[in-house]
Amino acid sequence: MSSLLRSIKETTGQTGVAISAITVIELAHGVWRADTPERAEKRRIYLQEVYAAIKVEAFTKEMGELAARIDAEGKKAGSVIPFADLQIGVTALELRHAIATRNVRHFAMIPGLQITPL
């Protein structure tokens, strides 16, 4: 198990951990940005560990509708949540999950989202 997964489980006390399908984009992006073939391979192996250990939750139409409403309301109030963070947060919110993150600032802008800082 990676140190990140171990940290999440230790911090939250949860054994049931999931990631948003949007998080897959963020994680896989690192593979494609690797500056050497060796680093890309190491990152691919890490991703396979993550995918084997953690359920990936789909992003649904209902989540899209909620994200649109939260984004519009936030922009009217003068705050902007980065799009990927909004999608990840809405996934957690719709599934009634807390989110464990190092990026509390962006996720705190999503009303009703439970956040566990890492």
N, C-alpha and C. Protein backbone atom coordinates (compact mmCIF):
# COMPACT_ATOMS: atom_id res chain seq x y z
N MET A 1 0.85 -1.18 0.00
CA MET A 1 0.00 0.00 0.00
C MET A 1 0.90 1.24 0.00
N SER A 2 0.53 2.24 -0.79
CA SER A 2 1.34 3.46 -0.87
C SER A 2 1.24 4.26 0.42
N SER A 3 2.19 5.15 0.62
CA SER A 3 2.18 5.98 1.82
C SER A 3 0.96 6.91 1.84
N LEU A 4 0.49 7.35 0.67
CA LEU A 4 -0.69 8.21 0.61
C LEU A 4 -1.93 7.44 1.08
N LEU A 5 -2.11 6.23 0.59
CA LEU A 5 -3.27 5.43 1.00
C LEU A 5 -3.20 5.12 2.50
N ARG A 6 -2.02 4.80 2.97
CA ARG A 6 -1.85 4.52 4.40
C ARG A 6 -2.19 5.76 5.22
N SER A 7 -1.75 6.93 4.76
CA SER A 7 -2.02 8.19 5.44
C SER A 7 -3.52 8.48 5.49
N ILE A 8 -4.21 8.25 4.38
CA ILE A 8 -5.65 8.49 4.34
C ILE A 8 -6.36 7.58 5.34
N LYS A 9 -6.01 6.32 5.33
CA LYS A 9 -6.67 5.37 6.23
C LYS A 9 -6.35 5.69 7.69
N GLU A 10 -5.11 6.09 7.98
CA GLU A 10 -4.74 6.42 9.35
C GLU A 10 -5.41 7.71 9.81
N THR A 11 -5.47 8.71 8.96
CA THR A 11 -6.05 10.00 9.31
C THR A 11 -7.56 9.93 9.49
N THR A 12 -8.21 9.23 8.58
CA THR A 12 -9.68 9.21 8.60
C THR A 12 -10.23 8.07 9.44
N GLY A 13 -9.43 7.04 9.66
CA GLY A 13 -9.94 5.87 10.37
C GLY A 13 -10.86 5.04 9.51
N GLN A 14 -10.94 5.36 8.24
CA GLN A 14 -11.84 4.67 7.32
C GLN A 14 -11.09 3.60 6.54
N THR A 15 -11.73 2.50 6.34
CA THR A 15 -11.15 1.49 5.46
C THR A 15 -11.81 1.55 4.09
N GLY A 16 -13.00 2.15 4.02
CA GLY A 16 -13.68 2.32 2.74
C GLY A 16 -13.26 3.63 2.10
N VAL A 17 -12.40 3.57 1.12
CA VAL A 17 -11.91 4.76 0.45
C VAL A 17 -12.28 4.66 -1.02
N ALA A 18 -12.69 5.77 -1.62
CA ALA A 18 -13.02 5.81 -3.04
C ALA A 18 -12.45 7.09 -3.64
N ILE A 19 -12.28 7.10 -4.95
CA ILE A 19 -11.88 8.31 -5.65
C ILE A 19 -12.88 8.59 -6.76
N SER A 20 -12.96 9.83 -7.13
CA SER A 20 -13.82 10.23 -8.24
C SER A 20 -13.15 9.86 -9.56
N ALA A 21 -13.96 9.59 -10.55
CA ALA A 21 -13.42 9.35 -11.89
C ALA A 21 -12.59 10.55 -12.34
N ILE A 22 -12.94 11.73 -11.87
CA ILE A 22 -12.19 12.94 -12.22
C ILE A 22 -10.77 12.87 -11.65
N THR A 23 -10.62 12.26 -10.48
CA THR A 23 -9.30 12.10 -9.88
C THR A 23 -8.41 11.23 -10.75
N VAL A 24 -9.01 10.29 -11.48
CA VAL A 24 -8.23 9.46 -12.39
C VAL A 24 -7.50 10.33 -13.40
N ILE A 25 -8.17 11.36 -13.89
CA ILE A 25 -7.54 12.27 -14.85
C ILE A 25 -6.33 12.93 -14.21
N GLU A 26 -6.50 13.42 -12.99
CA GLU A 26 -5.40 14.10 -12.32
C GLU A 26 -4.23 13.16 -12.08
N LEU A 27 -4.51 11.94 -11.66
CA LEU A 27 -3.44 10.98 -11.40
C LEU A 27 -2.75 10.54 -12.69
N ALA A 28 -3.53 10.22 -13.70
CA ALA A 28 -2.96 9.76 -14.97
C ALA A 28 -2.18 10.87 -15.67
N HIS A 29 -2.57 12.09 -15.44
CA HIS A 29 -1.86 13.22 -16.04
C HIS A 29 -0.38 13.18 -15.67
N GLY A 30 -0.11 12.78 -14.43
CA GLY A 30 1.29 12.69 -13.98
C GLY A 30 2.10 11.68 -14.77
N VAL A 31 1.46 10.61 -15.23
CA VAL A 31 2.16 9.61 -16.05
C VAL A 31 2.60 10.26 -17.35
N TRP A 32 1.69 10.98 -17.98
CA TRP A 32 1.96 11.57 -19.29
C TRP A 32 2.93 12.75 -19.21
N ARG A 33 3.05 13.35 -18.03
CA ARG A 33 3.97 14.48 -17.85
C ARG A 33 5.35 14.05 -17.40
N ALA A 34 5.55 12.78 -17.16
CA ALA A 34 6.84 12.29 -16.66
C ALA A 34 7.97 12.69 -17.62
N ASP A 35 9.09 13.06 -17.03
CA ASP A 35 10.21 13.54 -17.85
C ASP A 35 11.15 12.42 -18.31
N THR A 36 10.94 11.20 -17.84
CA THR A 36 11.73 10.06 -18.31
C THR A 36 10.80 8.85 -18.43
N PRO A 37 11.17 7.91 -19.30
CA PRO A 37 10.37 6.69 -19.41
C PRO A 37 10.33 5.91 -18.09
N GLU A 38 11.42 5.94 -17.34
CA GLU A 38 11.48 5.24 -16.06
C GLU A 38 10.50 5.84 -15.05
N ARG A 39 10.45 7.16 -15.01
CA ARG A 39 9.52 7.83 -14.10
C ARG A 39 8.07 7.56 -14.53
N ALA A 40 7.81 7.56 -15.82
CA ALA A 40 6.47 7.26 -16.31
C ALA A 40 6.06 5.84 -15.90
N GLU A 41 6.97 4.89 -16.03
CA GLU A 41 6.66 3.51 -15.66
C GLU A 41 6.41 3.38 -14.16
N LYS A 42 7.20 4.05 -13.37
CA LYS A 42 7.00 4.03 -11.91
C LYS A 42 5.62 4.58 -11.56
N ARG A 43 5.23 5.67 -12.21
CA ARG A 43 3.92 6.26 -11.97
C ARG A 43 2.79 5.36 -12.44
N ARG A 44 2.98 4.66 -13.57
CA ARG A 44 1.96 3.71 -14.06
C ARG A 44 1.75 2.59 -13.04
N ILE A 45 2.84 2.08 -12.51
CA ILE A 45 2.76 1.01 -11.51
C ILE A 45 2.01 1.51 -10.28
N TYR A 46 2.33 2.72 -9.84
CA TYR A 46 1.64 3.31 -8.70
C TYR A 46 0.13 3.41 -8.98
N LEU A 47 -0.23 3.88 -10.17
CA LEU A 47 -1.65 3.98 -10.52
C LEU A 47 -2.34 2.63 -10.48
N GLN A 48 -1.68 1.61 -10.95
CA GLN A 48 -2.28 0.28 -10.91
C GLN A 48 -2.53 -0.15 -9.47
N GLU A 49 -1.61 0.20 -8.55
CA GLU A 49 -1.81 -0.07 -7.12
C GLU A 49 -3.05 0.66 -6.61
N VAL A 50 -3.15 1.94 -6.98
CA VAL A 50 -4.29 2.75 -6.55
C VAL A 50 -5.59 2.15 -7.07
N TYR A 51 -5.64 1.83 -8.35
CA TYR A 51 -6.86 1.29 -8.94
C TYR A 51 -7.24 -0.06 -8.34
N ALA A 52 -6.25 -0.85 -7.95
CA ALA A 52 -6.51 -2.15 -7.35
C ALA A 52 -7.04 -2.00 -5.92
N ALA A 53 -6.63 -0.93 -5.24
CA ALA A 53 -6.97 -0.77 -3.82
C ALA A 53 -8.19 0.12 -3.57
N ILE A 54 -8.53 0.97 -4.53
CA ILE A 54 -9.56 1.98 -4.30
C ILE A 54 -10.61 1.93 -5.40
N LYS A 55 -11.85 1.97 -4.98
CA LYS A 55 -12.98 2.03 -5.92
C LYS A 55 -13.00 3.39 -6.61
N VAL A 56 -13.27 3.38 -7.90
CA VAL A 56 -13.43 4.62 -8.67
C VAL A 56 -14.92 4.86 -8.85
N GLU A 57 -15.39 6.02 -8.38
CA GLU A 57 -16.81 6.38 -8.48
C GLU A 57 -17.05 7.18 -9.76
N ALA A 58 -18.07 6.81 -10.48
CA ALA A 58 -18.43 7.49 -11.73
C ALA A 58 -18.98 8.89 -11.45
N PHE A 59 -18.86 9.75 -12.43
CA PHE A 59 -19.45 11.08 -12.38
C PHE A 59 -20.75 11.01 -13.16
N THR A 60 -21.86 11.30 -12.50
CA THR A 60 -23.19 11.10 -13.10
C THR A 60 -23.82 12.41 -13.57
N LYS A 61 -24.91 12.27 -14.29
CA LYS A 61 -25.69 13.42 -14.74
C LYS A 61 -26.15 14.25 -13.54
N GLU A 62 -26.61 13.60 -12.50
CA GLU A 62 -27.07 14.30 -11.30
C GLU A 62 -25.94 15.10 -10.65
N MET A 63 -24.76 14.51 -10.65
CA MET A 63 -23.60 15.23 -10.12
C MET A 63 -23.28 16.45 -10.99
N GLY A 64 -23.43 16.28 -12.28
CA GLY A 64 -23.20 17.40 -13.19
C GLY A 64 -24.18 18.54 -12.94
N GLU A 65 -25.43 18.21 -12.70
CA GLU A 65 -26.45 19.22 -12.40
C GLU A 65 -26.11 19.96 -11.10
N LEU A 66 -25.71 19.20 -10.08
CA LEU A 66 -25.36 19.82 -8.80
C LEU A 66 -24.11 20.69 -8.96
N ALA A 67 -23.13 20.21 -9.70
CA ALA A 67 -21.92 21.00 -9.92
C ALA A 67 -22.24 22.31 -10.63
N ALA A 68 -23.13 22.25 -11.61
CA ALA A 68 -23.52 23.47 -12.34
C ALA A 68 -24.15 24.49 -11.40
N ARG A 69 -25.05 24.02 -10.52
CA ARG A 69 -25.71 24.92 -9.57
C ARG A 69 -24.70 25.54 -8.60
N ILE A 70 -23.83 24.70 -8.02
CA ILE A 70 -22.84 25.20 -7.07
C ILE A 70 -21.89 26.18 -7.74
N ASP A 71 -21.48 25.87 -8.96
CA ASP A 71 -20.57 26.75 -9.69
C ASP A 71 -21.24 28.09 -9.98
N ALA A 72 -22.47 28.06 -10.45
CA ALA A 72 -23.18 29.31 -10.76
C ALA A 72 -23.39 30.15 -9.51
N GLU A 73 -23.82 29.52 -8.42
CA GLU A 73 -24.03 30.25 -7.17
C GLU A 73 -22.72 30.82 -6.64
N GLY A 74 -21.65 30.06 -6.74
CA GLY A 74 -20.35 30.53 -6.28
C GLY A 74 -19.87 31.73 -7.09
N LYS A 75 -20.02 31.65 -8.39
CA LYS A 75 -19.59 32.76 -9.24
C LYS A 75 -20.41 34.02 -8.98
N LYS A 76 -21.70 33.86 -8.72
CA LYS A 76 -22.53 35.02 -8.37
C LYS A 76 -22.03 35.67 -7.08
N ALA A 77 -21.52 34.85 -6.16
CA ALA A 77 -21.03 35.35 -4.88
C ALA A 77 -19.57 35.79 -4.96
N GLY A 78 -18.95 35.60 -6.13
CA GLY A 78 -17.58 36.06 -6.32
C GLY A 78 -16.51 35.02 -6.03
N SER A 79 -16.89 33.74 -5.87
CA SER A 79 -15.87 32.72 -5.65
C SER A 79 -15.86 31.73 -6.80
N VAL A 80 -14.68 31.25 -7.13
CA VAL A 80 -14.53 30.30 -8.22
C VAL A 80 -13.83 29.05 -7.69
N ILE A 81 -14.48 27.92 -7.88
CA ILE A 81 -13.90 26.64 -7.50
C ILE A 81 -13.30 26.03 -8.77
N PRO A 82 -12.02 25.68 -8.75
CA PRO A 82 -11.45 25.03 -9.94
C PRO A 82 -12.31 23.84 -10.36
N PHE A 83 -12.51 23.71 -11.65
CA PHE A 83 -13.48 22.77 -12.19
C PHE A 83 -13.27 21.33 -11.72
N ALA A 84 -12.05 20.83 -11.75
CA ALA A 84 -11.80 19.45 -11.32
C ALA A 84 -12.13 19.29 -9.84
N ASP A 85 -11.76 20.25 -9.02
CA ASP A 85 -12.07 20.17 -7.59
C ASP A 85 -13.58 20.19 -7.35
N LEU A 86 -14.28 20.99 -8.13
CA LEU A 86 -15.73 21.03 -8.03
C LEU A 86 -16.33 19.66 -8.34
N GLN A 87 -15.88 19.04 -9.41
CA GLN A 87 -16.39 17.73 -9.80
C GLN A 87 -16.06 16.66 -8.76
N ILE A 88 -14.86 16.69 -8.23
CA ILE A 88 -14.46 15.72 -7.21
C ILE A 88 -15.29 15.93 -5.95
N GLY A 89 -15.42 17.17 -5.53
CA GLY A 89 -16.20 17.48 -4.34
C GLY A 89 -17.66 17.10 -4.47
N VAL A 90 -18.24 17.37 -5.61
CA VAL A 90 -19.65 17.03 -5.85
C VAL A 90 -19.84 15.51 -5.85
N THR A 91 -18.86 14.78 -6.38
CA THR A 91 -18.94 13.33 -6.34
C THR A 91 -19.06 12.86 -4.89
N ALA A 92 -18.19 13.38 -4.03
CA ALA A 92 -18.23 13.01 -2.61
C ALA A 92 -19.55 13.45 -1.97
N LEU A 93 -19.98 14.65 -2.27
CA LEU A 93 -21.21 15.18 -1.69
C LEU A 93 -22.42 14.32 -2.06
N GLU A 94 -22.55 14.00 -3.32
CA GLU A 94 -23.69 13.20 -3.80
C GLU A 94 -23.69 11.80 -3.21
N LEU A 95 -22.52 11.24 -2.97
CA LEU A 95 -22.42 9.89 -2.43
C LEU A 95 -22.38 9.88 -0.91
N ARG A 96 -22.52 11.08 -0.33
CA ARG A 96 -22.50 11.24 1.13
C ARG A 96 -21.19 10.75 1.74
N HIS A 97 -20.10 11.06 1.05
CA HIS A 97 -18.76 10.74 1.55
C HIS A 97 -18.09 12.01 2.02
N ALA A 98 -17.21 11.88 2.99
CA ALA A 98 -16.32 13.00 3.33
C ALA A 98 -15.18 12.95 2.32
N ILE A 99 -14.47 14.05 2.21
CA ILE A 99 -13.31 14.08 1.33
C ILE A 99 -12.07 14.32 2.17
N ALA A 100 -11.05 13.52 1.93
CA ALA A 100 -9.76 13.68 2.61
C ALA A 100 -8.84 14.35 1.60
N THR A 101 -8.27 15.50 1.98
CA THR A 101 -7.51 16.28 1.01
C THR A 101 -6.46 17.15 1.68
N ARG A 102 -5.47 17.51 0.90
CA ARG A 102 -4.49 18.51 1.31
C ARG A 102 -4.93 19.89 0.82
N ASN A 103 -5.97 19.92 0.00
CA ASN A 103 -6.45 21.15 -0.63
C ASN A 103 -7.78 21.58 0.02
N VAL A 104 -7.72 21.94 1.27
CA VAL A 104 -8.94 22.31 1.99
C VAL A 104 -9.56 23.58 1.41
N ARG A 105 -8.75 24.52 0.97
CA ARG A 105 -9.24 25.81 0.50
C ARG A 105 -10.30 25.69 -0.59
N HIS A 106 -10.04 24.91 -1.61
CA HIS A 106 -11.00 24.78 -2.71
C HIS A 106 -12.24 23.99 -2.29
N PHE A 107 -12.04 22.90 -1.59
CA PHE A 107 -13.18 22.04 -1.23
C PHE A 107 -14.07 22.69 -0.18
N ALA A 108 -13.51 23.59 0.62
CA ALA A 108 -14.32 24.29 1.63
C ALA A 108 -15.37 25.19 0.99
N MET A 109 -15.22 25.52 -0.26
CA MET A 109 -16.19 26.36 -0.97
C MET A 109 -17.43 25.58 -1.43
N ILE A 110 -17.43 24.27 -1.23
CA ILE A 110 -18.56 23.44 -1.64
C ILE A 110 -19.47 23.25 -0.44
N PRO A 111 -20.65 23.87 -0.46
CA PRO A 111 -21.56 23.81 0.70
C PRO A 111 -21.95 22.39 1.07
N GLY A 112 -21.83 22.09 2.36
CA GLY A 112 -22.25 20.79 2.87
C GLY A 112 -21.24 19.68 2.77
N LEU A 113 -20.11 19.94 2.12
CA LEU A 113 -19.10 18.89 1.94
C LEU A 113 -18.31 18.72 3.23
N GLN A 114 -18.21 17.49 3.71
CA GLN A 114 -17.40 17.19 4.88
C GLN A 114 -15.95 16.99 4.43
N ILE A 115 -15.03 17.66 5.12
CA ILE A 115 -13.63 17.65 4.72
C ILE A 115 -12.77 17.15 5.87
N THR A 116 -11.85 16.23 5.54
CA THR A 116 -10.85 15.78 6.49
C THR A 116 -9.50 16.23 5.93
N PRO A 117 -8.85 17.20 6.59
CA PRO A 117 -7.54 17.64 6.10
C PRO A 117 -6.49 16.54 6.26
N LEU A 118 -5.64 16.39 5.28
CA LEU A 118 -4.53 15.43 5.37
C LEU A 118 -3.23 16.17 5.70
